[in-house]
Each structure stands twice: as structure tokens, then as C-alpha cells.
Amino acid sequence: MRASLIQVCVDPAEPVNSRRTRVASLVREQADSDLVVLPELWPTGAFAIDLFADEAESVTGPTHDAMAAAARDAGVWLHAGSVVERAADGTLYNTSLVFSPDGQLAATYRKIHRFGFDQGEAVLMGAGDRLVTVPLPHTTLGLATCYDLRFPEMFRQLVADGAQLLVVPAGWPARRRAHWSLLARARAVENQSYVLACGTAGTHAGVEEAGYSVVVDPWGEVLAEAGPDEEVLTVDLDPSRVAKTRAEFPVLRDRVLGLDRP
């Protein structure tokens, strides 16, 4: 299984529609991959909170249309990162979109843990209320977004729901890059799962982004890592490695707490 993470540079001088077109072209270039992943809120920038209301769209809005066509043209599963969703009742959500290779919307995930400590996203957006897994032909994705990475209980529940490959689009700031790398590896080790963590590059709303998207295997080994700039990170994964790791070192079997799920 080949996965490509597109570490998009969010430049505030680039119009949102132009960025959609450019990113769609980057997705089409990954036709040799099985799964393509984009970062969190790449159309607007994760910290560009002043744009959230103006750029909010429905789940089937312009980003959906551009990404559905790109997934279909490339013939890939596409985790299209997230958008600012405006729900029917007017509530804004940080919502991820996942497309199948035929361009159909296969899943959505509203970010559960909102960042900001009573500011920004934490007050401007509603919180998601359900975990989401997505079955692929040879693995199952568990969906999380950025700040979710700091909450290990969420990932343990995703694994209990069958996740083997944890996908984390993010707009992580450069000043906390060490946490980004550490937490991605920790979530992989403790859940014996692949972690695909895809961040943004560039600076928006005065916040320098970390970049350094990373792919970690179920033993916590870094298989590939990007630098600070826009980059496409491609790596071959062995989905059977998850089951092998869990059988060789069956730590998940010894869980005592949090066994309310099968």
C-alpha cells in the first residue's frame, strides 16, 4: 500500500480558490498511490480564524467538488484534510472529508477536541461527537485532527473500533514541533498502528507552521519525515505489519481500563 502526504504551504497571499486548484493538481500527480492525505484547514489556514466565517462551506461545497474530482481522476483514496463546515443550523465545524477512488464522499469527521483554551477554534466552532473509522480494501483508517493528537484515549477507542492506520491532518505550529513528532510516535507505539500525520507549511495569521509531516510504523519507527517547506512525502506501507506486531507483542490484550468497547 502506497501513501502520499501532501504538506501544503498555506500562503495568505494565495487566494483560496487558487489554492484549491493547485492542491487538486498535486493530488492528481499521486496516481501511483493508494491513499493521499492533505492537512487540516489547508484552504483557509488553521490559525486564520478571521476567515472562518467568510470561507465556511457545506460538506458538499467547493472543496468537496474539487477534491472529489481529483480523487476520481487519480483513482486514489483521498483524505482531503479538513474544511470549515457551516452546518444547516449555522454552526461551524472543523470537518474532514474522505473520498473513495471513484470520487464519492466516503466519510466525514468533525473534530472533537477544539484548540484555543476559550479562544479561537474553541469558541468559534462546534465540537464533533462521534469517532469515525473508514474501511479500505486492506486496512481501516481511524480519523483524528491536529489537537486530537494530545488525547490518547481517543486513539485507543479508534483502535477498539478496528483502526489500524491512524490519519492525523494538522495545522501544527512550529514552536511546538517537538511535541508533534513525539506525540505521533507515541500514538503509533501505544496503539501498535501506523500513524500518518500530515501538517501544513508556511505562515498564516502570523503563526509559523511546523511542517515535518511524518509516517510512523506500529513499532514507533519513523519511515519518512518531511522538512519545513511544501513537500510530498510518499512511503510504502505493509498493512499486515499491524497484525504481526500485535501478535508478536500482544500488549493490547493486557488492557484493564477502557474495555467498554469490543
C-alpha atoms as a PDB file:
ATOM      1  CA  MET A   1       0.000   0.000   0.000  1.00  0.00           C
ATOM      2  CA  ARG A   2       1.480   3.339  -1.031  1.00  0.00           C
ATOM      3  CA  ALA A   3       0.550   6.512   0.843  1.00  0.00           C
ATOM      4  CA  SER A   4       1.374  10.114  -0.048  1.00  0.00           C
ATOM      5  CA  LEU A   5       1.146  13.027   2.386  1.00  0.00           C
ATOM      6  CA  ILE A   6       0.939  16.436   0.705  1.00  0.00           C
ATOM      7  CA  GLN A   7       2.359  19.031   3.084  1.00  0.00           C
ATOM      8  CA  VAL A   8       0.611  22.084   1.645  1.00  0.00           C
ATOM      9  CA  CYS A   9       2.125  25.536   2.074  1.00  0.00           C
ATOM     10  CA  VAL A  10      -0.617  27.931   3.170  1.00  0.00           C
ATOM     11  CA  ASP A  11       0.364  31.363   1.852  1.00  0.00           C
ATOM     12  CA  PRO A  12      -2.092  34.137   2.798  1.00  0.00           C
ATOM     13  CA  ALA A  13      -1.295  35.879  -0.500  1.00  0.00           C
ATOM     14  CA  GLU A  14      -2.691  32.914  -2.451  1.00  0.00           C
ATOM     15  CA  PRO A  15      -6.474  33.108  -2.972  1.00  0.00           C
ATOM     16  CA  VAL A  16      -8.419  30.183  -1.563  1.00  0.00           C
ATOM     17  CA  ASN A  17      -9.827  29.199  -4.966  1.00  0.00           C
ATOM     18  CA  SER A  18      -6.344  29.228  -6.473  1.00  0.00           C
ATOM     19  CA  ARG A  19      -5.078  27.005  -3.664  1.00  0.00           C
ATOM     20  CA  ARG A  20      -7.916  24.540  -4.250  1.00  0.00           C
ATOM     21  CA  THR A  21      -6.969  24.300  -7.910  1.00  0.00           C
ATOM     22  CA  ARG A  22      -3.278  23.898  -7.130  1.00  0.00           C
ATOM     23  CA  VAL A  23      -3.822  21.250  -4.459  1.00  0.00           C
ATOM     24  CA  ALA A  24      -6.183  19.328  -6.737  1.00  0.00           C
ATOM     25  CA  SER A  25      -3.362  19.199  -9.299  1.00  0.00           C
ATOM     26  CA  LEU A  26      -0.977  17.873  -6.644  1.00  0.00           C
ATOM     27  CA  VAL A  27      -3.473  15.140  -5.767  1.00  0.00           C
ATOM     28  CA  ARG A  28      -3.769  14.126  -9.424  1.00  0.00           C
ATOM     29  CA  GLU A  29       0.005  13.729  -9.562  1.00  0.00           C
ATOM     30  CA  GLN A  30      -0.198  10.973  -6.917  1.00  0.00           C
ATOM     31  CA  ALA A  31      -1.940   8.443  -9.166  1.00  0.00           C
ATOM     32  CA  ASP A  32       0.653   5.797  -8.231  1.00  0.00           C
ATOM     33  CA  SER A  33      -0.503   5.951  -4.603  1.00  0.00           C
ATOM     34  CA  ASP A  34      -3.385   4.147  -2.934  1.00  0.00           C
ATOM     35  CA  LEU A  35      -4.016   6.777  -0.250  1.00  0.00           C
ATOM     36  CA  VAL A  36      -3.362  10.534  -0.343  1.00  0.00           C
ATOM     37  CA  VAL A  37      -3.596  12.752   2.758  1.00  0.00           C
ATOM     38  CA  LEU A  38      -3.908  16.545   2.991  1.00  0.00           C
ATOM     39  CA  PRO A  39      -3.513  18.773   6.084  1.00  0.00           C
ATOM     40  CA  GLU A  40      -6.030  20.410   8.377  1.00  0.00           C
ATOM     41  CA  LEU A  41      -7.881  23.524   7.130  1.00  0.00           C
ATOM     42  CA  TRP A  42      -5.485  23.997   4.206  1.00  0.00           C
ATOM     43  CA  PRO A  43      -7.992  26.105   2.213  1.00  0.00           C
ATOM     44  CA  THR A  44      -8.001  28.879   4.857  1.00  0.00           C
ATOM     45  CA  GLY A  45      -5.169  28.144   7.287  1.00  0.00           C
ATOM     46  CA  ALA A  46      -5.751  26.627  10.709  1.00  0.00           C
ATOM     47  CA  PHE A  47      -4.986  29.876  12.561  1.00  0.00           C
ATOM     48  CA  ALA A  48      -6.702  32.264  10.138  1.00  0.00           C
ATOM     49  CA  ILE A  49      -9.738  32.485  12.399  1.00  0.00           C
ATOM     50  CA  ASP A  50     -10.852  35.799  10.888  1.00  0.00           C
ATOM     51  CA  LEU A  51     -11.537  33.935   7.634  1.00  0.00           C
ATOM     52  CA  PHE A  52     -13.517  31.064   9.114  1.00  0.00           C
ATOM     53  CA  ALA A  53     -16.981  32.603   8.800  1.00  0.00           C
ATOM     54  CA  ASP A  54     -16.409  34.047   5.327  1.00  0.00           C
ATOM     55  CA  GLU A  55     -14.831  30.891   3.896  1.00  0.00           C
ATOM     56  CA  ALA A  56     -17.133  28.369   5.584  1.00  0.00           C
ATOM     57  CA  GLU A  57     -18.818  25.936   3.196  1.00  0.00           C
ATOM     58  CA  SER A  58     -21.141  22.980   3.272  1.00  0.00           C
ATOM     59  CA  VAL A  59     -19.764  19.437   3.257  1.00  0.00           C
ATOM     60  CA  THR A  60     -20.639  19.367  -0.453  1.00  0.00           C
ATOM     61  CA  GLY A  61     -19.204  22.805  -1.188  1.00  0.00           C
ATOM     62  CA  PRO A  62     -16.368  23.915  -3.484  1.00  0.00           C
ATOM     63  CA  THR A  63     -13.626  21.994  -1.660  1.00  0.00           C
ATOM     64  CA  HIS A  64     -15.719  18.833  -1.880  1.00  0.00           C
ATOM     65  CA  ASP A  65     -16.190  19.321  -5.618  1.00  0.00           C
ATOM     66  CA  ALA A  66     -12.513  19.971  -6.323  1.00  0.00           C
ATOM     67  CA  MET A  67     -11.290  17.086  -4.185  1.00  0.00           C
ATOM     68  CA  ALA A  68     -13.911  14.601  -5.412  1.00  0.00           C
ATOM     69  CA  ALA A  69     -12.808  15.250  -8.988  1.00  0.00           C
ATOM     70  CA  ALA A  70      -9.124  14.972  -8.057  1.00  0.00           C
ATOM     71  CA  ALA A  71      -9.648  11.664  -6.204  1.00  0.00           C
ATOM     72  CA  ARG A  72     -11.595  10.266  -9.150  1.00  0.00           C
ATOM     73  CA  ASP A  73      -9.025  11.412 -11.718  1.00  0.00           C
ATOM     74  CA  ALA A  74      -6.125   9.961  -9.708  1.00  0.00           C
ATOM     75  CA  GLY A  75      -8.039   6.815  -8.699  1.00  0.00           C
ATOM     76  CA  VAL A  76      -6.969   7.156  -5.051  1.00  0.00           C
ATOM     77  CA  TRP A  77      -8.486   7.146  -1.603  1.00  0.00           C
ATOM     78  CA  LEU A  78      -8.197  10.782  -0.558  1.00  0.00           C
ATOM     79  CA  HIS A  79      -8.271  12.129   2.962  1.00  0.00           C
ATOM     80  CA  ALA A  80      -8.785  15.726   1.864  1.00  0.00           C
ATOM     81  CA  GLY A  81      -7.775  17.234   5.183  1.00  0.00           C
ATOM     82  CA  SER A  82     -10.435  19.447   6.722  1.00  0.00           C
ATOM     83  CA  VAL A  83     -12.558  22.464   5.882  1.00  0.00           C
ATOM     84  CA  VAL A  84     -14.564  24.982   7.841  1.00  0.00           C
ATOM     85  CA  GLU A  85     -18.011  23.444   7.537  1.00  0.00           C
ATOM     86  CA  ARG A  86     -21.149  25.511   8.006  1.00  0.00           C
ATOM     87  CA  ALA A  87     -23.889  23.147   9.145  1.00  0.00           C
ATOM     88  CA  ALA A  88     -27.562  23.598   8.326  1.00  0.00           C
ATOM     89  CA  ASP A  89     -28.156  25.290  11.686  1.00  0.00           C
ATOM     90  CA  GLY A  90     -25.282  27.738  11.077  1.00  0.00           C
ATOM     91  CA  THR A  91     -22.784  26.072  13.423  1.00  0.00           C
ATOM     92  CA  LEU A  92     -19.207  25.950  12.174  1.00  0.00           C
ATOM     93  CA  TYR A  93     -17.212  22.712  12.425  1.00  0.00           C
ATOM     94  CA  ASN A  94     -13.670  21.659  11.572  1.00  0.00           C
ATOM     95  CA  THR A  95     -14.677  18.794   9.300  1.00  0.00           C
ATOM     96  CA  SER A  96     -12.548  16.222   7.494  1.00  0.00           C
ATOM     97  CA  LEU A  97     -13.613  14.771   4.142  1.00  0.00           C
ATOM     98  CA  VAL A  98     -12.597  11.324   2.883  1.00  0.00           C
ATOM     99  CA  PHE A  99     -13.207  10.294  -0.745  1.00  0.00           C
ATOM    100  CA  SER A 100     -13.154   6.886  -2.408  1.00  0.00           C
ATOM    101  CA  PRO A 101     -11.279   6.311  -5.696  1.00  0.00           C
ATOM    102  CA  ASP A 102     -14.486   6.898  -7.642  1.00  0.00           C
ATOM    103  CA  GLY A 103     -14.804  10.388  -6.163  1.00  0.00           C
ATOM    104  CA  GLN A 104     -17.630   9.584  -3.754  1.00  0.00           C
ATOM    105  CA  LEU A 105     -17.638  11.109  -0.279  1.00  0.00           C
ATOM    106  CA  ALA A 106     -16.955   8.043   1.883  1.00  0.00           C
ATOM    107  CA  ALA A 107     -16.792   9.656   5.337  1.00  0.00           C
ATOM    108  CA  THR A 108     -16.747  12.904   7.275  1.00  0.00           C
ATOM    109  CA  TYR A 109     -15.309  13.583  10.720  1.00  0.00           C
ATOM    110  CA  ARG A 110     -15.989  16.661  12.840  1.00  0.00           C
ATOM    111  CA  LYS A 111     -13.001  17.451  15.056  1.00  0.00           C
ATOM    112  CA  ILE A 112     -13.794  16.527  18.649  1.00  0.00           C
ATOM    113  CA  HIS A 113     -11.099  18.408  20.563  1.00  0.00           C
ATOM    114  CA  ARG A 114     -11.052  22.110  19.647  1.00  0.00           C
ATOM    115  CA  PHE A 115      -7.872  24.091  20.260  1.00  0.00           C
ATOM    116  CA  GLY A 116      -7.702  27.557  21.785  1.00  0.00           C
ATOM    117  CA  PHE A 117      -8.319  27.469  25.546  1.00  0.00           C
ATOM    118  CA  ASP A 118     -11.535  29.551  25.353  1.00  0.00           C
ATOM    119  CA  GLN A 119     -10.345  31.428  22.264  1.00  0.00           C
ATOM    120  CA  GLY A 120     -10.243  30.879  18.504  1.00  0.00           C
ATOM    121  CA  GLU A 121     -11.431  27.496  17.316  1.00  0.00           C
ATOM    122  CA  ALA A 122     -12.577  26.547  20.816  1.00  0.00           C
ATOM    123  CA  VAL A 123     -15.296  29.219  20.794  1.00  0.00           C
ATOM    124  CA  LEU A 124     -15.939  29.703  17.077  1.00  0.00           C
ATOM    125  CA  MET A 125     -16.591  26.054  16.213  1.00  0.00           C
ATOM    126  CA  GLY A 126     -18.797  23.288  17.468  1.00  0.00           C
ATOM    127  CA  ALA A 127     -17.320  20.005  18.700  1.00  0.00           C
ATOM    128  CA  GLY A 128     -17.777  16.706  16.933  1.00  0.00           C
ATOM    129  CA  ASP A 129     -19.448  13.969  18.949  1.00  0.00           C
ATOM    130  CA  ARG A 130     -18.520  10.693  17.233  1.00  0.00           C
ATOM    131  CA  LEU A 131     -15.464   8.665  16.347  1.00  0.00           C
ATOM    132  CA  VAL A 132     -15.039   7.716  12.707  1.00  0.00           C
ATOM    133  CA  THR A 133     -13.284   4.757  11.106  1.00  0.00           C
ATOM    134  CA  VAL A 134     -13.137   4.112   7.363  1.00  0.00           C
ATOM    135  CA  PRO A 135     -12.640   0.596   5.952  1.00  0.00           C
ATOM    136  CA  LEU A 136     -10.269   0.389   2.986  1.00  0.00           C
ATOM    137  CA  PRO A 137      -9.517  -2.772   0.978  1.00  0.00           C
ATOM    138  CA  HIS A 138      -6.528  -3.808   3.139  1.00  0.00           C
ATOM    139  CA  THR A 139      -6.762  -1.704   6.288  1.00  0.00           C
ATOM    140  CA  THR A 140      -9.066   0.514   8.356  1.00  0.00           C
ATOM    141  CA  LEU A 141      -8.436   4.208   8.872  1.00  0.00           C
ATOM    142  CA  GLY A 142      -9.046   5.932  12.193  1.00  0.00           C
ATOM    143  CA  LEU A 143      -9.687   9.661  11.794  1.00  0.00           C
ATOM    144  CA  ALA A 144      -8.376  12.400  14.081  1.00  0.00           C
ATOM    145  CA  THR A 145      -7.384  16.035  13.585  1.00  0.00           C
ATOM    146  CA  CYS A 146      -4.466  18.050  14.968  1.00  0.00           C
ATOM    147  CA  TYR A 147      -5.201  18.820  18.672  1.00  0.00           C
ATOM    148  CA  ASP A 148      -6.869  15.394  18.961  1.00  0.00           C
ATOM    149  CA  LEU A 149      -3.307  14.013  18.916  1.00  0.00           C
ATOM    150  CA  ARG A 150      -2.910  15.075  22.553  1.00  0.00           C
ATOM    151  CA  PHE A 151      -5.750  12.810  23.760  1.00  0.00           C
ATOM    152  CA  PRO A 152      -4.577   9.167  23.805  1.00  0.00           C
ATOM    153  CA  GLU A 153      -7.926   7.825  24.989  1.00  0.00           C
ATOM    154  CA  MET A 154      -9.456   8.832  21.653  1.00  0.00           C
ATOM    155  CA  PHE A 155      -6.917   6.799  19.700  1.00  0.00           C
ATOM    156  CA  ARG A 156      -7.338   3.792  21.976  1.00  0.00           C
ATOM    157  CA  GLN A 157     -11.067   3.859  21.241  1.00  0.00           C
ATOM    158  CA  LEU A 158     -10.417   4.150  17.499  1.00  0.00           C
ATOM    159  CA  VAL A 159      -8.274   1.011  17.738  1.00  0.00           C
ATOM    160  CA  ALA A 160     -11.036  -0.726  19.699  1.00  0.00           C
ATOM    161  CA  ASP A 161     -13.291   0.159  16.759  1.00  0.00           C
ATOM    162  CA  GLY A 162     -10.899  -1.568  14.351  1.00  0.00           C
ATOM    163  CA  ALA A 163      -8.492   1.174  13.252  1.00  0.00           C
ATOM    164  CA  GLN A 164      -5.084   0.006  12.044  1.00  0.00           C
ATOM    165  CA  LEU A 165      -3.892   3.183  10.335  1.00  0.00           C
ATOM    166  CA  LEU A 166      -4.382   6.469  12.210  1.00  0.00           C
ATOM    167  CA  VAL A 167      -4.584   9.553   9.984  1.00  0.00           C
ATOM    168  CA  VAL A 168      -3.959  12.963  11.559  1.00  0.00           C
ATOM    169  CA  PRO A 169      -4.170  16.077   9.360  1.00  0.00           C
ATOM    170  CA  ALA A 170      -2.954  19.131  11.235  1.00  0.00           C
ATOM    171  CA  GLY A 171      -2.045  22.784  11.233  1.00  0.00           C
ATOM    172  CA  TRP A 172       0.575  22.439  13.976  1.00  0.00           C
ATOM    173  CA  PRO A 173       2.641  25.494  14.969  1.00  0.00           C
ATOM    174  CA  ALA A 174       6.413  25.429  14.599  1.00  0.00           C
ATOM    175  CA  ARG A 175       7.002  26.467  18.203  1.00  0.00           C
ATOM    176  CA  ARG A 176       5.631  23.111  19.360  1.00  0.00           C
ATOM    177  CA  ARG A 177       7.135  20.924  16.646  1.00  0.00           C
ATOM    178  CA  ALA A 178       8.897  18.700  19.187  1.00  0.00           C
ATOM    179  CA  HIS A 179       5.501  17.758  20.637  1.00  0.00           C
ATOM    180  CA  TRP A 180       4.173  16.959  17.149  1.00  0.00           C
ATOM    181  CA  SER A 181       6.915  14.445  16.439  1.00  0.00           C
ATOM    182  CA  LEU A 182       6.842  12.946  19.929  1.00  0.00           C
ATOM    183  CA  LEU A 183       3.076  12.503  20.063  1.00  0.00           C
ATOM    184  CA  ALA A 184       2.866  10.965  16.578  1.00  0.00           C
ATOM    185  CA  ARG A 185       5.374   8.302  17.608  1.00  0.00           C
ATOM    186  CA  ALA A 186       3.664   7.759  20.968  1.00  0.00           C
ATOM    187  CA  ARG A 187       0.257   7.174  19.362  1.00  0.00           C
ATOM    188  CA  ALA A 188       1.849   4.639  17.000  1.00  0.00           C
ATOM    189  CA  VAL A 189       3.667   2.738  19.755  1.00  0.00           C
ATOM    190  CA  GLU A 190       0.849   2.562  22.282  1.00  0.00           C
ATOM    191  CA  ASN A 191      -1.727   1.516  19.670  1.00  0.00           C
ATOM    192  CA  GLN A 192       0.572  -0.651  17.529  1.00  0.00           C
ATOM    193  CA  SER A 193      -0.739   1.150  14.464  1.00  0.00           C
ATOM    194  CA  TYR A 194       0.613   3.150  11.578  1.00  0.00           C
ATOM    195  CA  VAL A 195       0.334   6.918  12.085  1.00  0.00           C
ATOM    196  CA  LEU A 196       0.176   9.257   9.094  1.00  0.00           C
ATOM    197  CA  ALA A 197       0.462  12.809  10.421  1.00  0.00           C
ATOM    198  CA  CYS A 198       0.195  15.478   7.701  1.00  0.00           C
ATOM    199  CA  GLY A 199       0.796  19.118   8.563  1.00  0.00           C
ATOM    200  CA  THR A 200       0.924  22.447   6.768  1.00  0.00           C
ATOM    201  CA  ALA A 201       3.907  24.578   5.849  1.00  0.00           C
ATOM    202  CA  GLY A 202       4.157  28.361   5.580  1.00  0.00           C
ATOM    203  CA  THR A 203       2.997  31.159   7.860  1.00  0.00           C
ATOM    204  CA  HIS A 204      -0.596  32.324   8.155  1.00  0.00           C
ATOM    205  CA  ALA A 205      -2.240  34.699  10.600  1.00  0.00           C
ATOM    206  CA  GLY A 206       1.267  35.338  11.919  1.00  0.00           C
ATOM    207  CA  VAL A 207       1.742  31.718  13.004  1.00  0.00           C
ATOM    208  CA  GLU A 208       4.660  29.790  11.518  1.00  0.00           C
ATOM    209  CA  GLU A 209       3.638  26.209  10.761  1.00  0.00           C
ATOM    210  CA  ALA A 210       5.738  23.236  11.816  1.00  0.00           C
ATOM    211  CA  GLY A 211       5.700  21.169   8.624  1.00  0.00           C
ATOM    212  CA  TYR A 212       7.596  17.932   9.325  1.00  0.00           C
ATOM    213  CA  SER A 213       4.788  15.604   8.303  1.00  0.00           C
ATOM    214  CA  VAL A 214       5.669  12.090   9.404  1.00  0.00           C
ATOM    215  CA  VAL A 215       4.822   8.426   8.821  1.00  0.00           C
ATOM    216  CA  VAL A 216       5.402   6.123  11.789  1.00  0.00           C
ATOM    217  CA  ASP A 217       5.134   2.321  11.802  1.00  0.00           C
ATOM    218  CA  PRO A 218       3.489   0.175  14.535  1.00  0.00           C
ATOM    219  CA  TRP A 219       6.817  -0.188  16.387  1.00  0.00           C
ATOM    220  CA  GLY A 220       7.282   3.580  16.513  1.00  0.00           C
ATOM    221  CA  GLU A 221       9.915   3.730  13.799  1.00  0.00           C
ATOM    222  CA  VAL A 222       9.829   6.816  11.576  1.00  0.00           C
ATOM    223  CA  LEU A 223       9.501   5.589   7.998  1.00  0.00           C
ATOM    224  CA  ALA A 224       9.570   9.042   6.389  1.00  0.00           C
ATOM    225  CA  GLU A 225       9.589  12.647   7.525  1.00  0.00           C
ATOM    226  CA  ALA A 226       9.219  15.889   5.600  1.00  0.00           C
ATOM    227  CA  GLY A 227      11.068  19.138   6.163  1.00  0.00           C
ATOM    228  CA  PRO A 228       9.606  22.582   6.931  1.00  0.00           C
ATOM    229  CA  ASP A 229       8.516  23.516   3.384  1.00  0.00           C
ATOM    230  CA  GLU A 230       5.846  22.310   0.974  1.00  0.00           C
ATOM    231  CA  GLU A 231       6.629  18.707   0.117  1.00  0.00           C
ATOM    232  CA  VAL A 232       5.052  15.436  -0.964  1.00  0.00           C
ATOM    233  CA  LEU A 233       6.030  12.563   1.306  1.00  0.00           C
ATOM    234  CA  THR A 234       5.480   9.102  -0.215  1.00  0.00           C
ATOM    235  CA  VAL A 235       6.025   5.798   1.578  1.00  0.00           C
ATOM    236  CA  ASP A 236       5.122   2.145   1.033  1.00  0.00           C
ATOM    237  CA  LEU A 237       3.247   0.517   3.921  1.00  0.00           C
ATOM    238  CA  ASP A 238       2.620  -3.133   4.731  1.00  0.00           C
ATOM    239  CA  PRO A 239      -0.898  -3.360   6.232  1.00  0.00           C
ATOM    240  CA  SER A 240      -0.188  -6.880   7.525  1.00  0.00           C
ATOM    241  CA  ARG A 241       2.537  -5.451   9.774  1.00  0.00           C
ATOM    242  CA  VAL A 242      -0.094  -4.199  12.205  1.00  0.00           C
ATOM    243  CA  ALA A 243      -1.478  -7.673  12.914  1.00  0.00           C
ATOM    244  CA  LYS A 244       2.037  -9.127  13.070  1.00  0.00           C
ATOM    245  CA  THR A 245       3.162  -6.514  15.581  1.00  0.00           C
ATOM    246  CA  ARG A 246       0.103  -7.034  17.756  1.00  0.00           C
ATOM    247  CA  ALA A 247       0.629 -10.810  17.691  1.00  0.00           C
ATOM    248  CA  GLU A 248       4.367 -10.670  18.409  1.00  0.00           C
ATOM    249  CA  PHE A 249       3.981  -8.197  21.286  1.00  0.00           C
ATOM    250  CA  PRO A 250       0.345  -8.510  22.443  1.00  0.00           C
ATOM    251  CA  VAL A 251       0.253  -5.539  24.796  1.00  0.00           C
ATOM    252  CA  LEU A 252      -3.256  -4.526  23.740  1.00  0.00           C
ATOM    253  CA  ARG A 253      -4.527  -7.844  25.114  1.00  0.00           C
ATOM    254  CA  ASP A 254      -3.453  -6.810  28.611  1.00  0.00           C
ATOM    255  CA  ARG A 255      -5.579  -3.663  28.800  1.00  0.00           C
ATOM    256  CA  VAL A 256      -7.512  -3.424  32.064  1.00  0.00           C
ATOM    257  CA  LEU A 257      -9.145   0.001  31.795  1.00  0.00           C
ATOM    258  CA  GLY A 258     -11.300   1.301  28.971  1.00  0.00           C
ATOM    259  CA  LEU A 259     -12.714  -2.054  27.906  1.00  0.00           C
ATOM    260  CA  ASP A 260     -16.241  -0.798  27.279  1.00  0.00           C
ATOM    261  CA  ARG A 261     -15.806  -1.404  23.528  1.00  0.00           C
ATOM    262  CA  PRO A 262     -15.286  -4.781  21.826  1.00  0.00           C
END
